[in-house]
Each structure stands twice: as structure tokens, then as C-alpha cells.
């Protein structure tokens, strides 16, 4: 699967995703939200972010993207992020499961909005 990680996401999560066989890159430093979602759309990547702005379905309609995962895990420790993402990827194993969806990922599960 192809992922784009926002600047606010733990940098080591990229390494974990790559080791799991995914194509994961980080947003270039200084990108504004419009540029972030634009890059995700252009490259057909699922955006992973902690920025709650992306949960606004009117400003950032998920149906126009490969999917948006908003991390709602506090504190955002790497082991908690990996555990939650592992569960999510087990439940939603393919790109089509993410396409056009907004997913709020929490420590003990997720909410799927579309």
C-alpha cells in the first residue's frame, strides 16, 4: 500500500511501514494542508496524519482521495501507533478498503467515515 505521512507523525513509523512491505514517504517540510492533501491525491497515497483539520470532510472530502487516516492516539508513542496501525491493516488489508474513506484511528480501534 502507498502511504504519505504528515510532518506531525512519528518519523520511525515510515521505517515500520516499509519493513511491513508498504511504500511510505514523508510530507516535505513546510507543506501547508492544501499541499499535503494535493500530494496525497496526485500520488494516490493514503494520508496518515495527527492533524484534526483533515477530519473536516467538507474542507478535505475523503472521496477525492486514496484515504485519510487521522491518528487520535495520546500520547502518540511509537509502540501505540504501531499497535493501532497493525490492527487497522489487519481489518482493512487493501487499498480499496481505504479509498475515499476517512478513518479516525484510536488506540483500541477505529471509526470509519465516508
C-alpha atoms as a PDB file:
ATOM      1  CA  UNK A   1       0.000   0.000   0.000  1.00  0.00           C
ATOM      2  CA  UNK A   2       1.114   3.587  -0.621  1.00  0.00           C
ATOM      3  CA  UNK A   3       1.213   5.966   2.344  1.00  0.00           C
ATOM      4  CA  UNK A   4       2.047   9.631   2.841  1.00  0.00           C
ATOM      5  CA  UNK A   5       2.929  10.548   6.432  1.00  0.00           C
ATOM      6  CA  UNK A   6       2.347  14.108   7.569  1.00  0.00           C
ATOM      7  CA  UNK A   7       5.089  16.031   9.386  1.00  0.00           C
ATOM      8  CA  UNK A   8       3.337  15.530  12.724  1.00  0.00           C
ATOM      9  CA  UNK A   9       3.587  11.720  12.587  1.00  0.00           C
ATOM     10  CA  UNK A  10       6.428   9.856  14.333  1.00  0.00           C
ATOM     11  CA  UNK A  11       9.259   9.589  11.785  1.00  0.00           C
ATOM     12  CA  UNK A  12      10.054   5.963  12.686  1.00  0.00           C
ATOM     13  CA  UNK A  13       6.577   4.939  11.550  1.00  0.00           C
ATOM     14  CA  UNK A  14       7.868   5.243   7.974  1.00  0.00           C
ATOM     15  CA  UNK A  15      10.544   2.629   8.670  1.00  0.00           C
ATOM     16  CA  UNK A  16       7.967   0.295  10.226  1.00  0.00           C
ATOM     17  CA  UNK A  17       5.617   0.636   7.245  1.00  0.00           C
ATOM     18  CA  UNK A  18       8.466  -0.005   4.794  1.00  0.00           C
ATOM     19  CA  UNK A  19       9.589  -3.079   6.737  1.00  0.00           C
ATOM     20  CA  UNK A  20       5.987  -4.324   6.507  1.00  0.00           C
ATOM     21  CA  UNK A  21       6.230  -4.069   2.706  1.00  0.00           C
ATOM     22  CA  UNK A  22       4.486  -0.741   2.140  1.00  0.00           C
ATOM     23  CA  UNK A  23       5.573   2.270   0.097  1.00  0.00           C
ATOM     24  CA  UNK A  24       5.751   5.099   2.644  1.00  0.00           C
ATOM     25  CA  UNK A  25       7.102   8.632   2.306  1.00  0.00           C
ATOM     26  CA  UNK A  26       7.016  11.777   4.435  1.00  0.00           C
ATOM     27  CA  UNK A  27       5.471  15.117   3.530  1.00  0.00           C
ATOM     28  CA  UNK A  28       8.161  17.643   2.572  1.00  0.00           C
ATOM     29  CA  UNK A  29       8.902  20.078   5.391  1.00  0.00           C
ATOM     30  CA  UNK A  30       6.789  23.211   5.422  1.00  0.00           C
ATOM     31  CA  UNK A  31       3.907  21.949   3.272  1.00  0.00           C
ATOM     32  CA  UNK A  32       0.529  23.533   4.046  1.00  0.00           C
ATOM     33  CA  UNK A  33      -2.570  21.342   4.412  1.00  0.00           C
ATOM     34  CA  UNK A  34      -3.725  22.023   0.854  1.00  0.00           C
ATOM     35  CA  UNK A  35      -0.340  20.935  -0.480  1.00  0.00           C
ATOM     36  CA  UNK A  36      -0.359  17.839   1.736  1.00  0.00           C
ATOM     37  CA  UNK A  37      -3.741  16.583   0.523  1.00  0.00           C
ATOM     38  CA  UNK A  38      -2.832  17.563  -3.047  1.00  0.00           C
ATOM     39  CA  UNK A  39       0.314  15.432  -2.919  1.00  0.00           C
ATOM     40  CA  UNK A  40      -1.608  12.506  -1.425  1.00  0.00           C
ATOM     41  CA  UNK A  41      -4.193  12.738  -4.223  1.00  0.00           C
ATOM     42  CA  UNK A  42      -1.661  13.181  -7.024  1.00  0.00           C
ATOM     43  CA  UNK A  43       0.376  10.176  -5.893  1.00  0.00           C
ATOM     44  CA  UNK A  44      -2.657   8.076  -4.854  1.00  0.00           C
ATOM     45  CA  UNK A  45      -1.364   7.692  -1.304  1.00  0.00           C
ATOM     46  CA  UNK A  46      -3.278   7.166   1.925  1.00  0.00           C
ATOM     47  CA  UNK A  47      -2.546  10.166   4.138  1.00  0.00           C
ATOM     48  CA  UNK A  48      -1.633   9.425   7.761  1.00  0.00           C
ATOM     49  CA  UNK A  49      -1.759  12.497   9.994  1.00  0.00           C
ATOM     50  CA  UNK A  50      -2.384  13.727  13.531  1.00  0.00           C
ATOM     51  CA  UNK A  51      -3.838  16.984  12.190  1.00  0.00           C
ATOM     52  CA  UNK A  52      -7.534  17.048  13.124  1.00  0.00           C
ATOM     53  CA  UNK A  53      -8.186  19.555  10.307  1.00  0.00           C
ATOM     54  CA  UNK A  54      -8.178  16.610   7.896  1.00  0.00           C
ATOM     55  CA  UNK A  55     -11.200  15.143   9.686  1.00  0.00           C
ATOM     56  CA  UNK A  56     -13.257  18.021   8.245  1.00  0.00           C
ATOM     57  CA  UNK A  57     -14.992  16.199   5.394  1.00  0.00           C
ATOM     58  CA  UNK A  58     -16.167  19.458   3.814  1.00  0.00           C
ATOM     59  CA  UNK A  59     -12.693  21.006   3.533  1.00  0.00           C
ATOM     60  CA  UNK A  60     -10.945  17.722   2.695  1.00  0.00           C
ATOM     61  CA  UNK A  61     -13.516  15.371   1.119  1.00  0.00           C
ATOM     62  CA  UNK A  62     -12.197  11.829   1.585  1.00  0.00           C
ATOM     63  CA  UNK A  63     -13.974  10.552  -1.525  1.00  0.00           C
ATOM     64  CA  UNK A  64     -11.496  12.555  -3.614  1.00  0.00           C
ATOM     65  CA  UNK A  65      -8.522  10.740  -2.089  1.00  0.00           C
ATOM     66  CA  UNK A  66      -6.930   7.337  -1.611  1.00  0.00           C
ATOM     67  CA  UNK A  67      -7.997   7.705   2.023  1.00  0.00           C
ATOM     68  CA  UNK A  68      -7.164   9.712   5.123  1.00  0.00           C
ATOM     69  CA  UNK A  69      -6.185   8.237   8.496  1.00  0.00           C
ATOM     70  CA  UNK A  70      -6.308  10.713  11.376  1.00  0.00           C
ATOM     71  CA  UNK A  71      -4.379   9.428  14.387  1.00  0.00           C
ATOM     72  CA  UNK A  72      -6.197  10.105  17.642  1.00  0.00           C
ATOM     73  CA  UNK A  73      -3.748   8.361  19.963  1.00  0.00           C
ATOM     74  CA  UNK A  74      -2.458  10.219  23.010  1.00  0.00           C
ATOM     75  CA  UNK A  75       0.348  10.302  23.739  1.00  0.00           C
ATOM     76  CA  UNK A  76       1.493   9.376  20.218  1.00  0.00           C
ATOM     77  CA  UNK A  77       4.145   6.876  21.310  1.00  0.00           C
ATOM     78  CA  UNK A  78       5.611   4.711  18.570  1.00  0.00           C
ATOM     79  CA  UNK A  79       4.564   1.398  20.128  1.00  0.00           C
ATOM     80  CA  UNK A  80       0.953   2.601  20.460  1.00  0.00           C
ATOM     81  CA  UNK A  81       0.915   3.845  16.860  1.00  0.00           C
ATOM     82  CA  UNK A  82       2.319   0.572  15.538  1.00  0.00           C
ATOM     83  CA  UNK A  83      -0.145  -1.482  17.546  1.00  0.00           C
ATOM     84  CA  UNK A  84      -3.138   0.535  16.308  1.00  0.00           C
ATOM     85  CA  UNK A  85      -1.935   0.532  12.688  1.00  0.00           C
ATOM     86  CA  UNK A  86      -1.309  -3.212  12.817  1.00  0.00           C
ATOM     87  CA  UNK A  87      -4.915  -3.766  13.860  1.00  0.00           C
ATOM     88  CA  UNK A  88      -6.181  -1.375  11.187  1.00  0.00           C
ATOM     89  CA  UNK A  89      -4.169  -3.034   8.414  1.00  0.00           C
ATOM     90  CA  UNK A  90      -5.399  -6.469   9.506  1.00  0.00           C
ATOM     91  CA  UNK A  91      -9.017  -5.291   9.266  1.00  0.00           C
ATOM     92  CA  UNK A  92      -8.514  -3.212   6.098  1.00  0.00           C
ATOM     93  CA  UNK A  93      -5.802  -5.046   4.145  1.00  0.00           C
ATOM     94  CA  UNK A  94      -6.145  -3.471   0.690  1.00  0.00           C
ATOM     95  CA  UNK A  95      -6.004  -0.044  -0.910  1.00  0.00           C
ATOM     96  CA  UNK A  96      -9.667  -0.299  -1.920  1.00  0.00           C
ATOM     97  CA  UNK A  97     -10.581  -0.583   1.780  1.00  0.00           C
ATOM     98  CA  UNK A  98      -9.085   2.898   2.344  1.00  0.00           C
ATOM     99  CA  UNK A  99     -10.061   4.590  -0.915  1.00  0.00           C
ATOM    100  CA  UNK A 100     -12.411   7.519  -0.382  1.00  0.00           C
ATOM    101  CA  UNK A 101     -12.613   6.933   3.365  1.00  0.00           C
ATOM    102  CA  UNK A 102     -11.847   8.987   6.451  1.00  0.00           C
ATOM    103  CA  UNK A 103     -10.593   6.804   9.290  1.00  0.00           C
ATOM    104  CA  UNK A 104     -10.168   8.048  12.840  1.00  0.00           C
ATOM    105  CA  UNK A 105      -7.621   5.693  14.393  1.00  0.00           C
ATOM    106  CA  UNK A 106      -7.670   5.304  18.153  1.00  0.00           C
ATOM    107  CA  UNK A 107      -5.592   3.144  20.456  1.00  0.00           C
ATOM    108  CA  UNK A 108      -8.310   0.490  20.828  1.00  0.00           C
ATOM    109  CA  UNK A 109      -9.891   0.633  17.381  1.00  0.00           C
ATOM    110  CA  UNK A 110     -11.069   2.936  14.645  1.00  0.00           C
ATOM    111  CA  UNK A 111     -14.076   4.777  13.237  1.00  0.00           C
ATOM    112  CA  UNK A 112     -14.674   4.525   9.515  1.00  0.00           C
ATOM    113  CA  UNK A 113     -16.361   7.560   7.976  1.00  0.00           C
ATOM    114  CA  UNK A 114     -17.157   8.016   4.313  1.00  0.00           C
END
